[in-house]
């Protein structure tokens, strides 16, 4: 199931902010491009990952699909230069 959401990013190259739709996946890295200066950027999701609860209840089994934790993303997500 695709669960895309609109996020706001701040370009690492120019001071502008922009919004894009993205889906959080097991990859934990987004590659985005600024629509103003066309520079590509990388967003690492790992620093925003919330700790996962460890409560286990009887009868619970492994969930289908990748283990996707919740993320506590800032209102404006900073980007970094993409290395070649």
PDB file of N, CA and C in Angstrom:
ATOM      1  N   UNK A   1       0.831  -1.173   0.000  1.00  0.00           N
ATOM      2  CA  UNK A   1       0.000   0.000   0.000  1.00  0.00           C
ATOM      3  C   UNK A   1       0.885   1.249   0.000  1.00  0.00           C
ATOM      4  N   UNK A   2       0.657   2.112  -0.933  1.00  0.00           N
ATOM      5  CA  UNK A   2       1.417   3.355  -1.033  1.00  0.00           C
ATOM      6  C   UNK A   2       0.852   4.350  -0.035  1.00  0.00           C
ATOM      7  N   UNK A   3       1.727   4.891   0.793  1.00  0.00           N
ATOM      8  CA  UNK A   3       1.310   5.858   1.793  1.00  0.00           C
ATOM      9  C   UNK A   3       2.177   7.100   1.647  1.00  0.00           C
ATOM     10  N   UNK A   4       1.937   7.877   0.580  1.00  0.00           N
ATOM     11  CA  UNK A   4       2.721   9.076   0.349  1.00  0.00           C
ATOM     12  C   UNK A   4       2.150  10.241   1.140  1.00  0.00           C
ATOM     13  N   UNK A   5       3.055  11.099   1.564  1.00  0.00           N
ATOM     14  CA  UNK A   5       2.686  12.277   2.328  1.00  0.00           C
ATOM     15  C   UNK A   5       3.528  13.445   1.813  1.00  0.00           C
ATOM     16  N   UNK A   6       2.999  14.650   1.898  1.00  0.00           N
ATOM     17  CA  UNK A   6       3.727  15.831   1.439  1.00  0.00           C
ATOM     18  C   UNK A   6       4.610  16.357   2.576  1.00  0.00           C
ATOM     19  N   UNK A   7       5.893  16.553   2.259  1.00  0.00           N
ATOM     20  CA  UNK A   7       6.873  17.055   3.218  1.00  0.00           C
ATOM     21  C   UNK A   7       7.500  18.334   2.672  1.00  0.00           C
ATOM     22  N   UNK A   8       7.972  19.195   3.578  1.00  0.00           N
ATOM     23  CA  UNK A   8       8.647  20.431   3.207  1.00  0.00           C
ATOM     24  C   UNK A   8      10.146  20.256   3.426  1.00  0.00           C
ATOM     25  N   UNK A   9      10.930  20.616   2.411  1.00  0.00           N
ATOM     26  CA  UNK A   9      12.382  20.479   2.447  1.00  0.00           C
ATOM     27  C   UNK A   9      13.034  21.842   2.296  1.00  0.00           C
ATOM     28  N   UNK A  10      14.244  21.993   2.856  1.00  0.00           N
ATOM     29  CA  UNK A  10      15.034  23.198   2.637  1.00  0.00           C
ATOM     30  C   UNK A  10      16.270  22.788   1.847  1.00  0.00           C
ATOM     31  N   UNK A  11      16.483  23.461   0.727  1.00  0.00           N
ATOM     32  CA  UNK A  11      17.600  23.138  -0.153  1.00  0.00           C
ATOM     33  C   UNK A  11      18.932  23.447   0.528  1.00  0.00           C
ATOM     34  N   UNK A  12      19.895  22.562   0.342  1.00  0.00           N
ATOM     35  CA  UNK A  12      21.241  22.769   0.898  1.00  0.00           C
ATOM     36  C   UNK A  12      22.001  23.817   0.093  1.00  0.00           C
ATOM     37  N   UNK A  13      21.617  24.031  -1.170  1.00  0.00           N
ATOM     38  CA  UNK A  13      22.354  24.914  -2.062  1.00  0.00           C
ATOM     39  C   UNK A  13      21.803  26.347  -2.069  1.00  0.00           C
ATOM     40  N   UNK A  14      20.503  26.461  -2.073  1.00  0.00           N
ATOM     41  CA  UNK A  14      19.878  27.790  -2.056  1.00  0.00           C
ATOM     42  C   UNK A  14      18.974  27.874  -0.812  1.00  0.00           C
ATOM     43  N   UNK A  15      18.597  29.036  -0.362  1.00  0.00           N
ATOM     44  CA  UNK A  15      17.844  29.144   0.892  1.00  0.00           C
ATOM     45  C   UNK A  15      16.356  28.825   0.772  1.00  0.00           C
ATOM     46  N   UNK A  16      15.901  28.360  -0.375  1.00  0.00           N
ATOM     47  CA  UNK A  16      14.468  28.180  -0.589  1.00  0.00           C
ATOM     48  C   UNK A  16      13.951  26.866  -0.023  1.00  0.00           C
ATOM     49  N   UNK A  17      12.660  26.892   0.326  1.00  0.00           N
ATOM     50  CA  UNK A  17      11.986  25.673   0.769  1.00  0.00           C
ATOM     51  C   UNK A  17      10.996  25.250  -0.312  1.00  0.00           C
ATOM     52  N   UNK A  18      10.711  23.956  -0.357  1.00  0.00           N
ATOM     53  CA  UNK A  18       9.792  23.400  -1.342  1.00  0.00           C
ATOM     54  C   UNK A  18       9.144  22.151  -0.765  1.00  0.00           C
ATOM     55  N   UNK A  19       8.041  21.737  -1.362  1.00  0.00           N
ATOM     56  CA  UNK A  19       7.348  20.545  -0.875  1.00  0.00           C
ATOM     57  C   UNK A  19       7.353  19.471  -1.954  1.00  0.00           C
ATOM     58  N   UNK A  20       7.438  18.231  -1.507  1.00  0.00           N
ATOM     59  CA  UNK A  20       7.382  17.061  -2.375  1.00  0.00           C
ATOM     60  C   UNK A  20       6.625  15.961  -1.657  1.00  0.00           C
ATOM     61  N   UNK A  21       6.015  15.085  -2.433  1.00  0.00           N
ATOM     62  CA  UNK A  21       5.390  13.907  -1.842  1.00  0.00           C
ATOM     63  C   UNK A  21       6.422  12.796  -1.777  1.00  0.00           C
ATOM     64  N   UNK A  22       6.490  12.134  -0.656  1.00  0.00           N
ATOM     65  CA  UNK A  22       7.426  11.030  -0.454  1.00  0.00           C
ATOM     66  C   UNK A  22       6.749   9.954   0.370  1.00  0.00           C
ATOM     67  N   UNK A  23       7.270   8.739   0.244  1.00  0.00           N
ATOM     68  CA  UNK A  23       6.798   7.596   1.013  1.00  0.00           C
ATOM     69  C   UNK A  23       7.954   7.106   1.876  1.00  0.00           C
ATOM     70  N   UNK A  24       7.687   6.873   3.147  1.00  0.00           N
ATOM     71  CA  UNK A  24       8.718   6.329   4.033  1.00  0.00           C
ATOM     72  C   UNK A  24       8.785   4.825   3.786  1.00  0.00           C
ATOM     73  N   UNK A  25       9.978   4.360   3.422  1.00  0.00           N
ATOM     74  CA  UNK A  25      10.195   2.944   3.144  1.00  0.00           C
ATOM     75  C   UNK A  25      11.338   2.437   4.017  1.00  0.00           C
ATOM     76  N   UNK A  26      11.688   1.196   3.847  1.00  0.00           N
ATOM     77  CA  UNK A  26      12.783   0.609   4.626  1.00  0.00           C
ATOM     78  C   UNK A  26      14.139   1.194   4.232  1.00  0.00           C
ATOM     79  N   UNK A  27      14.227   1.880   3.108  1.00  0.00           N
ATOM     80  CA  UNK A  27      15.487   2.451   2.621  1.00  0.00           C
ATOM     81  C   UNK A  27      16.064   3.496   3.576  1.00  0.00           C
ATOM     82  N   UNK A  28      15.238   4.329   4.174  1.00  0.00           N
ATOM     83  CA  UNK A  28      15.602   5.374   5.133  1.00  0.00           C
ATOM     84  C   UNK A  28      16.491   6.464   4.541  1.00  0.00           C
ATOM     85  N   UNK A  29      16.500   6.578   3.202  1.00  0.00           N
ATOM     86  CA  UNK A  29      17.222   7.652   2.524  1.00  0.00           C
ATOM     87  C   UNK A  29      16.338   8.151   1.386  1.00  0.00           C
ATOM     88  N   UNK A  30      16.209   9.454   1.280  1.00  0.00           N
ATOM     89  CA  UNK A  30      15.476  10.045   0.160  1.00  0.00           C
ATOM     90  C   UNK A  30      16.450  10.834  -0.698  1.00  0.00           C
ATOM     91  N   UNK A  31      16.292  10.738  -2.006  1.00  0.00           N
ATOM     92  CA  UNK A  31      17.006  11.585  -2.949  1.00  0.00           C
ATOM     93  C   UNK A  31      15.964  12.560  -3.495  1.00  0.00           C
ATOM     94  N   UNK A  32      16.208  13.840  -3.317  1.00  0.00           N
ATOM     95  CA  UNK A  32      15.270  14.869  -3.769  1.00  0.00           C
ATOM     96  C   UNK A  32      16.025  15.890  -4.611  1.00  0.00           C
ATOM     97  N   UNK A  33      15.287  16.599  -5.445  1.00  0.00           N
ATOM     98  CA  UNK A  33      15.888  17.655  -6.269  1.00  0.00           C
ATOM     99  C   UNK A  33      15.135  18.956  -6.023  1.00  0.00           C
ATOM    100  N   UNK A  34      15.877  20.030  -5.837  1.00  0.00           N
ATOM    101  CA  UNK A  34      15.279  21.343  -5.612  1.00  0.00           C
ATOM    102  C   UNK A  34      14.673  21.837  -6.925  1.00  0.00           C
ATOM    103  N   UNK A  35      13.411  22.240  -6.911  1.00  0.00           N
ATOM    104  CA  UNK A  35      12.797  22.737  -8.142  1.00  0.00           C
ATOM    105  C   UNK A  35      13.304  24.128  -8.543  1.00  0.00           C
ATOM    106  N   UNK A  36      14.009  24.813  -7.671  1.00  0.00           N
ATOM    107  CA  UNK A  36      14.496  26.159  -7.960  1.00  0.00           C
ATOM    108  C   UNK A  36      15.901  26.152  -8.567  1.00  0.00           C
ATOM    109  N   UNK A  37      16.826  25.414  -7.963  1.00  0.00           N
ATOM    110  CA  UNK A  37      18.211  25.404  -8.465  1.00  0.00           C
ATOM    111  C   UNK A  37      18.586  24.070  -9.128  1.00  0.00           C
ATOM    112  N   UNK A  38      17.687  23.090  -9.101  1.00  0.00           N
ATOM    113  CA  UNK A  38      17.866  21.770  -9.717  1.00  0.00           C
ATOM    114  C   UNK A  38      19.011  20.949  -9.133  1.00  0.00           C
ATOM    115  N   UNK A  39      19.490  21.297  -7.962  1.00  0.00           N
ATOM    116  CA  UNK A  39      20.539  20.513  -7.310  1.00  0.00           C
ATOM    117  C   UNK A  39      19.914  19.309  -6.611  1.00  0.00           C
ATOM    118  N   UNK A  40      20.553  18.157  -6.745  1.00  0.00           N
ATOM    119  CA  UNK A  40      20.078  16.957  -6.051  1.00  0.00           C
ATOM    120  C   UNK A  40      20.571  16.977  -4.613  1.00  0.00           C
ATOM    121  N   UNK A  41      19.768  16.377  -3.748  1.00  0.00           N
ATOM    122  CA  UNK A  41      20.095  16.354  -2.324  1.00  0.00           C
ATOM    123  C   UNK A  41      19.737  15.008  -1.727  1.00  0.00           C
ATOM    124  N   UNK A  42      20.305  14.740  -0.566  1.00  0.00           N
ATOM    125  CA  UNK A  42      20.053  13.515   0.174  1.00  0.00           C
ATOM    126  C   UNK A  42      19.429  13.887   1.508  1.00  0.00           C
ATOM    127  N   UNK A  43      18.425  13.110   1.910  1.00  0.00           N
ATOM    128  CA  UNK A  43      17.817  13.269   3.233  1.00  0.00           C
ATOM    129  C   UNK A  43      17.964  11.929   3.946  1.00  0.00           C
ATOM    130  N   UNK A  44      18.678  11.938   5.061  1.00  0.00           N
ATOM    131  CA  UNK A  44      18.845  10.740   5.893  1.00  0.00           C
ATOM    132  C   UNK A  44      17.720  10.721   6.925  1.00  0.00           C
ATOM    133  N   UNK A  45      16.902   9.672   6.906  1.00  0.00           N
ATOM    134  CA  UNK A  45      15.786   9.584   7.846  1.00  0.00           C
ATOM    135  C   UNK A  45      16.186   8.997   9.197  1.00  0.00           C
ATOM    136  N   UNK A  46      17.301   8.296   9.250  1.00  0.00           N
ATOM    137  CA  UNK A  46      17.740   7.613  10.479  1.00  0.00           C
ATOM    138  C   UNK A  46      17.777   8.531  11.704  1.00  0.00           C
ATOM    139  N   UNK A  47      18.272   9.785  11.619  1.00  0.00           N
ATOM    140  CA  UNK A  47      18.301  10.633  12.819  1.00  0.00           C
ATOM    141  C   UNK A  47      16.917  10.968  13.383  1.00  0.00           C
ATOM    142  N   UNK A  48      15.873  10.805  12.583  1.00  0.00           N
ATOM    143  CA  UNK A  48      14.522  11.168  13.010  1.00  0.00           C
ATOM    144  C   UNK A  48      13.702   9.956  13.456  1.00  0.00           C
ATOM    145  N   UNK A  49      14.325   8.794  13.492  1.00  0.00           N
ATOM    146  CA  UNK A  49      13.613   7.563  13.844  1.00  0.00           C
ATOM    147  C   UNK A  49      13.320   7.529  15.342  1.00  0.00           C
ATOM    148  N   UNK A  50      12.057   7.257  15.685  1.00  0.00           N
ATOM    149  CA  UNK A  50      11.661   7.124  17.089  1.00  0.00           C
ATOM    150  C   UNK A  50      12.010   5.715  17.568  1.00  0.00           C
ATOM    151  N   UNK A  51      12.348   5.567  18.851  1.00  0.00           N
ATOM    152  CA  UNK A  51      12.576   4.226  19.380  1.00  0.00           C
ATOM    153  C   UNK A  51      11.295   3.393  19.291  1.00  0.00           C
ATOM    154  N   UNK A  52      11.447   2.133  18.943  1.00  0.00           N
ATOM    155  CA  UNK A  52      10.293   1.256  18.804  1.00  0.00           C
ATOM    156  C   UNK A  52       9.937   0.639  20.153  1.00  0.00           C
ATOM    157  N   UNK A  53       8.635   0.556  20.434  1.00  0.00           N
ATOM    158  CA  UNK A  53       8.171  -0.085  21.669  1.00  0.00           C
ATOM    159  C   UNK A  53       8.488  -1.571  21.596  1.00  0.00           C
ATOM    160  N   UNK A  54       8.849  -2.149  22.731  1.00  0.00           N
ATOM    161  CA  UNK A  54       9.243  -3.559  22.746  1.00  0.00           C
ATOM    162  C   UNK A  54       8.210  -4.450  23.405  1.00  0.00           C
ATOM    163  N   UNK A  55       7.005  -3.953  23.626  1.00  0.00           N
ATOM    164  CA  UNK A  55       5.962  -4.773  24.246  1.00  0.00           C
ATOM    165  C   UNK A  55       5.524  -5.876  23.293  1.00  0.00           C
ATOM    166  N   UNK A  56       5.474  -7.100  23.797  1.00  0.00           N
ATOM    167  CA  UNK A  56       5.030  -8.240  23.000  1.00  0.00           C
ATOM    168  C   UNK A  56       3.848  -8.871  23.717  1.00  0.00           C
ATOM    169  N   UNK A  57       2.783  -9.089  22.981  1.00  0.00           N
ATOM    170  CA  UNK A  57       1.595  -9.684  23.551  1.00  0.00           C
ATOM    171  C   UNK A  57       1.438 -11.096  23.001  1.00  0.00           C
ATOM    172  N   UNK A  58       0.834 -11.962  23.787  1.00  0.00           N
ATOM    173  CA  UNK A  58       0.642 -13.343  23.381  1.00  0.00           C
ATOM    174  C   UNK A  58      -0.138 -13.398  22.068  1.00  0.00           C
ATOM    175  N   UNK A  59       0.375 -14.217  21.145  1.00  0.00           N
ATOM    176  CA  UNK A  59      -0.299 -14.375  19.861  1.00  0.00           C
ATOM    177  C   UNK A  59       0.189 -13.425  18.789  1.00  0.00           C
ATOM    178  N   UNK A  60       1.006 -12.459  19.168  1.00  0.00           N
ATOM    179  CA  UNK A  60       1.536 -11.540  18.161  1.00  0.00           C
ATOM    180  C   UNK A  60       2.630 -12.243  17.373  1.00  0.00           C
ATOM    181  N   UNK A  61       2.554 -12.101  16.074  1.00  0.00           N
ATOM    182  CA  UNK A  61       3.570 -12.677  15.203  1.00  0.00           C
ATOM    183  C   UNK A  61       4.250 -11.575  14.428  1.00  0.00           C
ATOM    184  N   UNK A  62       5.171 -11.950  13.572  1.00  0.00           N
ATOM    185  CA  UNK A  62       5.837 -10.929  12.767  1.00  0.00           C
ATOM    186  C   UNK A  62       4.848 -10.269  11.811  1.00  0.00           C
ATOM    187  N   UNK A  63       5.015  -8.991  11.623  1.00  0.00           N
ATOM    188  CA  UNK A  63       4.127  -8.244  10.729  1.00  0.00           C
ATOM    189  C   UNK A  63       4.550  -8.492   9.291  1.00  0.00           C
ATOM    190  N   UNK A  64       3.610  -8.329   8.379  1.00  0.00           N
ATOM    191  CA  UNK A  64       3.921  -8.459   6.966  1.00  0.00           C
ATOM    192  C   UNK A  64       4.703  -7.239   6.506  1.00  0.00           C
ATOM    193  N   UNK A  65       5.643  -7.460   5.607  1.00  0.00           N
ATOM    194  CA  UNK A  65       6.400  -6.353   5.035  1.00  0.00           C
ATOM    195  C   UNK A  65       7.545  -5.928   5.934  1.00  0.00           C
ATOM    196  N   UNK A  66       8.269  -4.863   5.530  1.00  0.00           N
ATOM    197  CA  UNK A  66       9.413  -4.399   6.316  1.00  0.00           C
ATOM    198  C   UNK A  66       8.973  -3.780   7.629  1.00  0.00           C
ATOM    199  N   UNK A  67       9.872  -3.795   8.598  1.00  0.00           N
ATOM    200  CA  UNK A  67       9.603  -3.203   9.904  1.00  0.00           C
ATOM    201  C   UNK A  67       9.815  -1.693   9.811  1.00  0.00           C
ATOM    202  N   UNK A  68       8.739  -0.951   9.612  1.00  0.00           N
ATOM    203  CA  UNK A  68       8.831   0.493   9.459  1.00  0.00           C
ATOM    204  C   UNK A  68       8.509   1.187  10.772  1.00  0.00           C
ATOM    205  N   UNK A  69       9.504   1.822  11.338  1.00  0.00           N
ATOM    206  CA  UNK A  69       9.315   2.546  12.598  1.00  0.00           C
ATOM    207  C   UNK A  69       8.680   3.895  12.307  1.00  0.00           C
ATOM    208  N   UNK A  70       8.162   4.519  13.310  1.00  0.00           N
ATOM    209  CA  UNK A  70       7.624   5.864  13.186  1.00  0.00           C
ATOM    210  C   UNK A  70       8.779   6.859  13.194  1.00  0.00           C
ATOM    211  N   UNK A  71       8.582   7.954  12.520  1.00  0.00           N
ATOM    212  CA  UNK A  71       9.610   8.992  12.440  1.00  0.00           C
ATOM    213  C   UNK A  71       9.060  10.296  12.991  1.00  0.00           C
ATOM    214  N   UNK A  72       9.921  11.057  13.646  1.00  0.00           N
ATOM    215  CA  UNK A  72       9.571  12.364  14.179  1.00  0.00           C
ATOM    216  C   UNK A  72      10.284  13.403  13.314  1.00  0.00           C
ATOM    217  N   UNK A  73       9.693  13.699  12.153  1.00  0.00           N
ATOM    218  CA  UNK A  73      10.321  14.598  11.196  1.00  0.00           C
ATOM    219  C   UNK A  73      10.027  16.053  11.553  1.00  0.00           C
ATOM    220  N   UNK A  74      11.007  16.939  11.349  1.00  0.00           N
ATOM    221  CA  UNK A  74      10.771  18.358  11.612  1.00  0.00           C
ATOM    222  C   UNK A  74       9.808  18.938  10.575  1.00  0.00           C
ATOM    223  N   UNK A  75       9.270  20.097  10.859  1.00  0.00           N
ATOM    224  CA  UNK A  75       8.334  20.746   9.941  1.00  0.00           C
ATOM    225  C   UNK A  75       9.003  21.044   8.597  1.00  0.00           C
ATOM    226  N   UNK A  76      10.250  21.523   8.649  1.00  0.00           N
ATOM    227  CA  UNK A  76      11.056  21.738   7.435  1.00  0.00           C
ATOM    228  C   UNK A  76      12.271  20.823   7.543  1.00  0.00           C
ATOM    229  N   UNK A  77      12.391  19.908   6.597  1.00  0.00           N
ATOM    230  CA  UNK A  77      13.450  18.896   6.637  1.00  0.00           C
ATOM    231  C   UNK A  77      14.685  19.427   5.917  1.00  0.00           C
ATOM    232  N   UNK A  78      15.831  19.479   6.613  1.00  0.00           N
ATOM    233  CA  UNK A  78      17.059  19.943   5.956  1.00  0.00           C
ATOM    234  C   UNK A  78      17.592  18.880   4.995  1.00  0.00           C
ATOM    235  N   UNK A  79      18.273  19.318   3.952  1.00  0.00           N
ATOM    236  CA  UNK A  79      18.867  18.401   2.990  1.00  0.00           C
ATOM    237  C   UNK A  79      20.378  18.583   2.995  1.00  0.00           C
ATOM    238  N   UNK A  80      21.090  17.626   2.420  1.00  0.00           N
ATOM    239  CA  UNK A  80      22.550  17.684   2.303  1.00  0.00           C
ATOM    240  C   UNK A  80      22.935  17.420   0.856  1.00  0.00           C
ATOM    241  N   UNK A  81      24.101  17.884   0.472  1.00  0.00           N
ATOM    242  CA  UNK A  81      24.583  17.684  -0.897  1.00  0.00           C
ATOM    243  C   UNK A  81      24.726  16.189  -1.179  1.00  0.00           C
ATOM    244  N   UNK A  82      24.361  15.812  -2.391  1.00  0.00           N
ATOM    245  CA  UNK A  82      24.511  14.421  -2.803  1.00  0.00           C
ATOM    246  C   UNK A  82      25.907  14.234  -3.353  1.00  0.00           C
ATOM    247  N   UNK A  83      26.624  13.253  -2.801  1.00  0.00           N
ATOM    248  CA  UNK A  83      27.987  12.993  -3.247  1.00  0.00           C
ATOM    249  C   UNK A  83      27.962  12.173  -4.527  1.00  0.00           C
ATOM    250  N   UNK A  84      28.849  12.489  -5.429  1.00  0.00           N
ATOM    251  CA  UNK A  84      28.894  11.789  -6.728  1.00  0.00           C
ATOM    252  C   UNK A  84      29.472  10.411  -6.617  1.00  0.00           C
TER     253      UNK A  84
END
